[in-house]
Amino acid sequence: MSLGMRLRARIEGKQTKYKALRLIKWLQKKHLLKKKLRCPVCHHKMKMISVVKKDQYMWCCERASHRKDSRTIRTGSLFEKSKSSLFSWMKFIYRFSQGLRLRQIDMIDDEVAGSSRTLSSMARHIRHVCIRAIKRHRINNGHRLGGDREFVVIDESCLRHQRKYARGRFGNAWKRKKWVFGLMGIKDKRRRLVLKLVEKRSRRHLVPLIRQHVKLVSAIISDEWRAYKNFVDPQSGSHTQHIERAWMTIKGHVRRLRRNRTEKLLEEHLMVLEWSSWLGSRHPDGPLGRLFKDIQKIFPV
C-alpha cells in the first residue's frame, strides 16, 4: 500500500477518538509529532492523556501539582500554532502533494477547512517548507541542466492576470512587466525545471541565466528560431512541445491557487514547482514522502 493510501485510510470518514489516536500514532511514527516529552518543571517524562479538546489527546505530567503545565500534542511541530485539526492538516497536505482539487472553494466544500483565510495560512506554511528545501538543494547541489543525454528546452511566458470574457477589474498582475523564463531539462521520462522572473527577454537578461543553469556543451532548443518550431529529433525525441505543455501546467497551477497577484507570491509558486520537479517527483514515495521528509528537517521532533 502506498504512503498516500495509508494516509487516506486514517483521515477519511467520521472523526472519532479512536481515529484521532490512530492518526497521532502514525504521525509520531513518521516523525511529524513528538513521541516523548519531558515536563518543563520537573523534567520527568510526560504521558499522553485523553481530553475533550480539538486533538483528543495532550501531554501531561504524572505529578498532579504540575498538571497545569500540560502541553499540546503538537508541541514543536509544524502544526503547533494552528487552530485547524490534524485531520484537516493531513487532508490539505495530501491534496497539496497530489495536486488534487486545490481551489479554495473545492476544499471548503469538502470540509478541509472552514474559510479561505485558514486555507491560505496552511498553503503558506507548506509553501515555505518547499521553498526552504529547494533553496537548500540549490546550495548543496546546484541547479544545472544538460550534460549526459539530457537536452534543455528554453522559453519564456508572461503570467499576467486574465479577465474572463474581457470583463472585470484590472488587477495588479495585469500591470506586471516581468516575464517568467523557463528552462526544462529532459532525459528519458525525467523532467527538471528552472523558473526565473526576468525584467526583459533580451540577450543581456537571458544569457547569464543560461550560463548559470546549463552545463557546457549541452543541446539547447528554443522556439525563437524558426528551424526548431515544432521540430522533433528522431534520435533524442527533443521538441519544443515539452516546454509548451509545461507552461499550461504552470499557469493552471498558479491560477487555481489565485496567487498570481504579486511578484513575490508568483516567485514562491515557481519555486514550489521547481521543488516538485527536482525533489518531489524523485522521492520513492512521491511528493508526499518528500514533503514529510522536508517537514522533519525543519521541525525535528
Protein backbone atom coordinates (compact mmCIF):
# COMPACT_ATOMS: atom_id res chain seq x y z
CA MET A 1 0.00 0.00 0.00
CA SER A 2 1.40 3.41 -0.97
CA LEU A 3 2.06 6.20 1.52
CA GLY A 4 -0.86 8.22 0.15
CA MET A 5 -3.28 5.33 0.52
CA ARG A 6 -2.13 4.72 4.11
CA LEU A 7 -2.71 8.37 4.92
CA ARG A 8 -6.16 8.40 3.31
CA ALA A 9 -7.17 5.36 5.36
CA ARG A 10 -6.52 7.40 8.52
CA ILE A 11 -8.23 10.67 7.59
CA GLU A 12 -11.33 9.63 5.65
CA GLY A 13 -14.68 9.04 7.30
CA LYS A 14 -16.02 10.15 10.66
CA GLN A 15 -13.50 11.64 13.09
CA THR A 16 -13.65 9.59 16.29
CA LYS A 17 -11.38 9.43 19.33
CA TYR A 18 -10.03 6.08 18.14
CA LYS A 19 -9.20 7.53 14.69
CA ALA A 20 -7.59 10.57 16.34
CA LEU A 21 -5.30 8.32 18.40
CA ARG A 22 -4.53 6.22 15.34
CA LEU A 23 -3.58 9.32 13.34
CA ILE A 24 -1.42 10.69 16.18
CA LYS A 25 0.46 7.39 16.50
CA TRP A 26 1.01 7.32 12.73
CA LEU A 27 2.32 10.90 12.68
CA GLN A 28 4.64 10.08 15.56
CA LYS A 29 5.94 7.11 13.60
CA LYS A 30 6.56 9.44 10.64
CA HIS A 31 8.42 11.87 12.97
CA LEU A 32 5.92 14.67 12.43
CA LEU A 33 4.82 14.67 16.10
CA LYS A 34 6.88 14.07 19.22
CA LYS A 35 6.88 10.56 20.68
CA LYS A 36 8.18 11.71 24.07
CA LEU A 37 8.13 14.95 26.03
CA ARG A 38 9.52 15.99 29.39
CA CYS A 39 7.83 18.20 31.95
CA PRO A 40 9.20 21.77 31.81
CA VAL A 41 9.12 21.96 35.63
CA CYS A 42 10.44 18.63 36.96
CA HIS A 43 11.88 17.24 33.67
CA HIS A 44 10.18 13.89 34.19
CA LYS A 45 8.59 12.13 31.23
CA MET A 46 5.11 13.31 30.38
CA LYS A 47 2.35 10.94 29.33
CA MET A 48 -0.31 11.28 26.68
CA ILE A 49 -3.80 11.54 28.18
CA SER A 50 -7.28 11.73 26.68
CA VAL A 51 -9.02 15.11 26.85
CA VAL A 52 -12.15 16.74 25.45
CA LYS A 53 -10.30 19.06 23.10
CA LYS A 54 -9.56 19.52 19.42
CA ASP A 55 -6.87 16.82 19.15
CA GLN A 56 -8.49 14.48 21.73
CA TYR A 57 -5.09 13.96 23.43
CA MET A 58 -2.39 16.08 25.11
CA TRP A 59 0.86 15.75 27.08
CA CYS A 60 0.54 15.88 30.86
CA CYS A 61 2.99 15.39 33.75
CA GLU A 62 2.29 12.46 36.07
CA ARG A 63 2.64 14.74 39.11
CA ALA A 64 -0.69 16.31 39.99
CA SER A 65 0.96 19.58 41.03
CA HIS A 66 2.33 20.01 37.50
CA ARG A 67 -0.89 19.30 35.61
CA LYS A 68 -1.29 22.99 34.82
CA ASP A 69 1.93 22.79 32.79
CA SER A 70 0.44 20.38 30.27
CA ARG A 71 1.44 20.67 26.62
CA THR A 72 -0.39 20.22 23.35
CA ILE A 73 0.24 17.04 21.40
CA ARG A 74 1.58 19.29 18.61
CA THR A 75 4.46 20.77 20.64
CA GLY A 76 7.47 21.50 18.43
CA SER A 77 5.72 20.50 15.21
CA LEU A 78 4.55 22.31 12.08
CA PHE A 79 1.01 22.28 13.45
CA GLU A 80 1.75 23.76 16.91
CA LYS A 81 0.32 27.25 16.42
CA SER A 82 -2.53 26.24 14.13
CA LYS A 83 -6.16 26.02 15.19
CA SER A 84 -7.05 23.55 12.44
CA SER A 85 -7.41 19.89 13.36
CA LEU A 86 -4.75 17.33 12.46
CA PHE A 87 -7.31 15.71 10.16
CA SER A 88 -7.69 18.99 8.25
CA TRP A 89 -3.93 19.40 8.01
CA MET A 90 -3.41 15.90 6.67
CA LYS A 91 -6.22 16.32 4.14
CA PHE A 92 -4.64 19.54 2.92
CA ILE A 93 -1.12 18.06 2.76
CA TYR A 94 -2.41 15.06 0.83
CA ARG A 95 -4.14 17.27 -1.73
CA PHE A 96 -1.16 19.60 -1.98
CA SER A 97 1.21 16.72 -2.69
CA GLN A 98 -1.12 15.15 -5.25
CA GLY A 99 -2.26 18.41 -6.89
CA LEU A 100 -5.93 17.46 -6.40
CA ARG A 101 -8.81 19.96 -6.18
CA LEU A 102 -6.64 22.76 -4.82
CA ARG A 103 -9.14 25.55 -5.44
CA GLN A 104 -10.20 27.02 -2.13
CA ILE A 105 -13.89 26.73 -2.96
CA ASP A 106 -13.46 23.00 -3.57
CA MET A 107 -11.62 22.45 -0.30
CA ILE A 108 -14.20 24.42 1.67
CA ASP A 109 -16.98 22.34 0.08
CA ASP A 110 -15.09 19.16 1.02
CA GLU A 111 -14.66 20.46 4.60
CA VAL A 112 -10.87 20.51 4.51
CA ALA A 113 -11.11 23.90 6.25
CA GLY A 114 -13.81 26.37 7.14
CA SER A 115 -12.53 29.53 5.48
CA SER A 116 -10.27 30.89 2.75
CA ARG A 117 -8.10 32.54 5.39
CA THR A 118 -7.36 29.18 7.03
CA LEU A 119 -6.53 27.57 3.70
CA SER A 120 -4.24 30.46 2.75
CA SER A 121 -2.38 30.07 6.05
CA MET A 122 -1.95 26.31 5.54
CA ALA A 123 -0.76 26.82 1.98
CA ARG A 124 1.73 29.46 3.11
CA HIS A 125 3.26 27.14 5.73
CA ILE A 126 3.62 24.21 3.29
CA ARG A 127 4.89 26.50 0.55
CA HIS A 128 7.65 27.80 2.84
CA VAL A 129 8.67 24.23 3.68
CA CYS A 130 9.11 23.52 -0.04
CA ILE A 131 10.96 26.79 -0.63
CA ARG A 132 13.46 26.13 2.17
CA ALA A 133 14.03 22.62 0.83
CA ILE A 134 14.65 23.74 -2.76
CA LYS A 135 16.97 26.55 -1.62
CA ARG A 136 18.96 24.06 0.45
CA HIS A 137 19.13 21.69 -2.51
CA ARG A 138 20.22 24.52 -4.80
CA ILE A 139 23.08 25.47 -2.45
CA ASN A 140 24.26 21.89 -1.91
CA ASN A 141 23.87 20.53 -5.44
CA GLY A 142 23.34 23.44 -7.79
CA HIS A 143 20.60 23.55 -10.40
CA ARG A 144 22.42 22.77 -13.62
CA LEU A 145 20.69 21.14 -16.56
CA GLY A 146 22.04 19.35 -19.61
CA GLY A 147 25.05 17.12 -19.89
CA ASP A 148 24.90 13.37 -20.48
CA ARG A 149 21.96 12.64 -22.83
CA GLU A 150 19.87 15.47 -21.37
CA PHE A 151 18.75 18.26 -23.68
CA VAL A 152 17.42 21.60 -22.49
CA VAL A 153 14.35 23.40 -23.81
CA ILE A 154 14.05 27.13 -23.08
CA ASP A 155 11.14 29.51 -23.46
CA GLU A 156 9.53 32.50 -21.77
CA SER A 157 5.96 33.38 -20.86
CA CYS A 158 4.09 36.23 -19.20
CA LEU A 159 1.86 35.03 -16.37
CA ARG A 160 -0.44 38.01 -16.14
CA HIS A 161 -3.95 38.20 -14.78
CA GLN A 162 -6.57 37.17 -17.34
CA ARG A 163 -10.04 38.66 -17.24
CA LYS A 164 -12.84 36.26 -18.08
CA TYR A 165 -14.66 37.30 -21.26
CA ALA A 166 -12.60 40.54 -21.21
CA ARG A 167 -14.62 41.75 -18.21
CA GLY A 168 -13.74 42.59 -14.65
CA ARG A 169 -11.16 44.73 -12.92
CA PHE A 170 -7.53 45.05 -13.92
CA GLY A 171 -5.62 43.54 -11.01
CA ASN A 172 -2.02 44.24 -10.01
CA ALA A 173 -0.93 41.17 -12.00
CA TRP A 174 -2.16 42.85 -15.18
CA LYS A 175 0.40 45.64 -14.70
CA ARG A 176 3.28 43.22 -14.18
CA LYS A 177 6.04 43.68 -16.73
CA LYS A 178 8.33 40.82 -15.70
CA TRP A 179 8.45 37.61 -17.69
CA VAL A 180 8.94 34.06 -16.49
CA PHE A 181 11.94 32.44 -18.16
CA GLY A 182 11.78 28.65 -18.11
CA LEU A 183 14.47 26.04 -18.66
CA MET A 184 13.48 22.38 -18.77
CA GLY A 185 15.98 19.54 -18.72
CA ILE A 186 14.64 16.39 -20.42
CA LYS A 187 16.20 12.96 -20.13
CA ASP A 188 14.04 9.91 -20.89
CA LYS A 189 10.93 10.43 -18.70
CA ARG A 190 12.60 12.81 -16.25
CA ARG A 191 11.73 16.50 -16.33
CA ARG A 192 13.56 19.16 -14.32
CA LEU A 193 12.51 22.81 -14.23
CA VAL A 194 14.27 26.08 -13.55
CA LEU A 195 11.89 29.06 -13.49
CA LYS A 196 13.09 32.65 -13.11
CA LEU A 197 11.46 36.07 -13.23
CA VAL A 198 13.25 38.42 -15.63
CA GLU A 199 12.78 42.10 -16.45
CA LYS A 200 13.09 41.64 -20.22
CA ARG A 201 13.54 38.90 -22.80
CA SER A 202 16.75 40.40 -24.07
CA ARG A 203 20.07 38.64 -24.53
CA ARG A 204 21.51 40.59 -21.60
CA HIS A 205 18.89 39.16 -19.23
CA LEU A 206 18.61 35.58 -20.50
CA VAL A 207 22.16 34.52 -21.43
CA PRO A 208 23.55 34.84 -17.86
CA LEU A 209 20.77 32.53 -16.61
CA ILE A 210 21.53 30.01 -19.34
CA ARG A 211 25.21 30.06 -18.41
CA GLN A 212 24.35 29.64 -14.74
CA HIS A 213 21.91 26.74 -15.11
CA VAL A 214 23.03 24.87 -18.25
CA LYS A 215 26.18 22.77 -18.43
CA LEU A 216 28.70 23.39 -21.17
CA VAL A 217 28.33 21.51 -24.47
CA SER A 218 24.61 20.88 -23.85
CA ALA A 219 21.94 20.80 -26.57
CA ILE A 220 19.57 23.76 -26.15
CA ILE A 221 16.31 24.08 -28.08
CA SER A 222 14.23 27.24 -28.35
CA ASP A 223 11.17 28.00 -30.45
CA GLU A 224 12.53 31.50 -31.06
CA TRP A 225 14.34 30.05 -34.04
CA ARG A 226 12.11 29.07 -36.92
CA ALA A 227 14.18 25.96 -37.64
CA TYR A 228 13.17 24.48 -34.26
CA LYS A 229 9.47 25.29 -34.38
CA ASN A 230 7.55 22.06 -33.69
CA PHE A 231 10.67 20.09 -34.66
CA VAL A 232 11.14 16.53 -33.41
CA ASP A 233 14.59 14.98 -33.38
CA PRO A 234 14.20 11.29 -34.34
CA GLN A 235 17.13 10.25 -32.15
CA SER A 236 16.62 12.25 -28.95
CA GLY A 237 12.90 12.95 -29.27
CA SER A 238 13.54 16.60 -28.45
CA HIS A 239 10.96 19.19 -29.39
CA THR A 240 9.55 22.48 -28.13
CA GLN A 241 6.19 20.99 -27.19
CA HIS A 242 7.69 19.79 -23.88
CA ILE A 243 8.01 23.34 -22.60
CA GLU A 244 4.68 24.37 -24.17
CA ARG A 245 2.89 21.66 -22.18
CA ALA A 246 4.83 22.70 -19.08
CA TRP A 247 3.58 26.30 -19.43
CA MET A 248 -0.01 25.04 -19.49
CA THR A 249 0.60 23.10 -16.27
CA ILE A 250 2.38 26.03 -14.59
CA LYS A 251 -0.29 28.56 -15.50
CA GLY A 252 -3.07 26.21 -14.42
CA HIS A 253 -1.36 25.57 -11.08
CA VAL A 254 -0.90 29.28 -10.32
CA ARG A 255 -4.42 30.28 -11.39
CA ARG A 256 -6.09 27.54 -9.35
CA LEU A 257 -4.43 28.91 -6.23
CA ARG A 258 -5.32 32.52 -7.05
CA ARG A 259 -1.83 33.61 -6.16
CA ASN A 260 -0.75 35.42 -9.31
CA ARG A 261 -1.36 38.85 -7.83
CA THR A 262 2.11 39.86 -6.64
CA GLU A 263 5.59 39.08 -7.91
CA LYS A 264 6.62 37.69 -4.52
CA LEU A 265 3.78 35.16 -4.44
CA LEU A 266 4.33 34.24 -8.08
CA GLU A 267 8.03 33.65 -7.37
CA GLU A 268 7.13 31.43 -4.40
CA HIS A 269 4.82 29.30 -6.55
CA LEU A 270 7.50 28.96 -9.19
CA MET A 271 9.89 27.68 -6.52
CA VAL A 272 7.28 25.13 -5.38
CA LEU A 273 7.08 23.89 -8.97
CA GLU A 274 10.86 23.60 -9.02
CA TRP A 275 10.67 21.65 -5.74
CA SER A 276 8.20 19.27 -7.35
CA SER A 277 10.40 18.59 -10.38
CA TRP A 278 13.77 18.34 -8.57
CA LEU A 279 12.74 16.74 -5.27
CA GLY A 280 9.08 15.72 -5.06
CA SER A 281 8.90 13.61 -8.20
CA ARG A 282 12.19 11.82 -7.46
CA HIS A 283 11.32 10.57 -3.96
CA PRO A 284 10.39 6.85 -3.68
CA ASP A 285 7.07 7.82 -2.03
CA GLY A 286 6.46 10.71 -4.41
CA PRO A 287 5.82 14.35 -3.42
CA LEU A 288 4.02 13.29 -0.21
CA GLY A 289 7.03 11.35 1.04
CA ARG A 290 9.38 14.18 0.13
CA LEU A 291 7.14 16.72 1.86
CA PHE A 292 7.18 14.65 5.05
CA LYS A 293 10.98 14.48 4.84
CA ASP A 294 11.33 18.25 4.41
CA ILE A 295 8.94 18.93 7.30
CA GLN A 296 11.04 16.65 9.51
CA LYS A 297 14.19 18.64 8.69
CA ILE A 298 12.62 21.97 9.60
CA PHE A 299 10.67 20.69 12.62
CA PRO A 300 12.78 17.87 14.13
CA VAL A 301 10.81 16.02 16.82
